[in-house]
Amino acid sequence: MGGADRIIRLLLAIIMASLALTGLVSGSAGVILLAIGAIFLLTSIVGMCPLYSLIGFNTCAGNKPL
C-alpha cells in the first residue's frame, strides 16, 4: 500500500469515527461507519489491505510487478 493510500485511509477513518462517535450518524449506519473506519485505521497502520491482495491491486510504487 502506497503512502498516499495510507494517508487517505487514515483521514477517512478519523472522519468516519468522529461522525459515528459524535452522534451525527447513529443507529445501524453509525455502527457500520465505525466498523469501516476501524478497518481503514487498521489497514493504514499495517500498510497492507487483504482485499488489494485478492484482486491484485497495488498502490505502492516500489513494488510494481515486471
Protein backbone atom coordinates (compact mmCIF):
# COMPACT_ATOMS: atom_id res chain seq x y z
CA MET A 1 0.00 0.00 0.00
CA GLY A 2 1.42 3.35 -1.02
CA GLY A 3 1.93 6.35 1.23
CA ALA A 4 -0.92 8.39 -0.29
CA ASP A 5 -3.30 5.45 0.11
CA ARG A 6 -2.33 5.08 3.77
CA ILE A 7 -2.87 8.79 4.48
CA ILE A 8 -6.25 8.83 2.72
CA ARG A 9 -7.39 5.76 4.67
CA LEU A 10 -6.23 7.32 7.94
CA LEU A 11 -8.10 10.55 7.23
CA LEU A 12 -11.24 8.67 6.22
CA ALA A 13 -11.02 6.57 9.41
CA ILE A 14 -10.82 9.72 11.52
CA ILE A 15 -13.78 11.29 9.72
CA MET A 16 -15.90 8.13 9.97
CA ALA A 17 -15.12 7.63 13.65
CA SER A 18 -15.88 11.26 14.50
CA LEU A 19 -19.21 11.11 12.65
CA ALA A 20 -20.22 7.95 14.47
CA LEU A 21 -18.92 8.91 17.90
CA THR A 22 -20.41 12.43 17.91
CA GLY A 23 -23.83 11.05 17.02
CA LEU A 24 -24.15 12.76 13.64
CA VAL A 25 -24.64 9.28 12.19
CA SER A 26 -26.42 6.98 14.61
CA GLY A 27 -28.05 3.59 14.78
CA SER A 28 -27.01 0.83 12.42
CA ALA A 29 -25.42 3.27 10.00
CA GLY A 30 -23.24 4.64 12.80
CA VAL A 31 -22.09 1.17 13.82
CA ILE A 32 -21.30 0.25 10.21
CA LEU A 33 -19.44 3.54 9.70
CA LEU A 34 -17.44 2.94 12.87
CA ALA A 35 -16.57 -0.61 11.75
CA ILE A 36 -15.42 0.56 8.31
CA GLY A 37 -13.40 3.32 9.96
CA ALA A 38 -11.73 0.76 12.23
CA ILE A 39 -10.83 -1.40 9.23
CA PHE A 40 -9.39 1.62 7.40
CA LEU A 41 -7.38 2.57 10.50
CA LEU A 42 -6.01 -0.95 10.89
CA THR A 43 -5.06 -1.31 7.22
CA SER A 44 -3.40 2.11 7.17
CA ILE A 45 -1.32 1.26 10.25
CA VAL A 46 -0.34 -2.20 8.97
CA GLY A 47 0.23 -0.94 5.42
CA MET A 48 -1.49 -3.87 3.76
CA CYS A 49 -5.02 -4.39 2.50
CA PRO A 50 -6.19 -8.02 2.17
CA LEU A 51 -8.73 -7.02 -0.48
CA TYR A 52 -5.95 -5.49 -2.61
CA SER A 53 -4.06 -8.78 -2.38
CA LEU A 54 -7.10 -10.76 -3.52
CA ILE A 55 -7.76 -8.63 -6.59
CA GLY A 56 -4.09 -7.98 -7.41
CA PHE A 57 -4.27 -4.20 -6.89
CA ASN A 58 -1.08 -2.38 -5.84
CA THR A 59 -0.70 1.30 -4.87
CA CYS A 60 2.93 1.06 -3.77
CA ALA A 61 5.26 2.48 -6.42
CA GLY A 62 8.25 0.39 -5.26
CA ASN A 63 6.53 -3.00 -5.66
CA LYS A 64 5.34 -2.92 -9.26
CA PRO A 65 5.43 -6.32 -10.99
CA LEU A 66 7.64 -6.62 -14.09
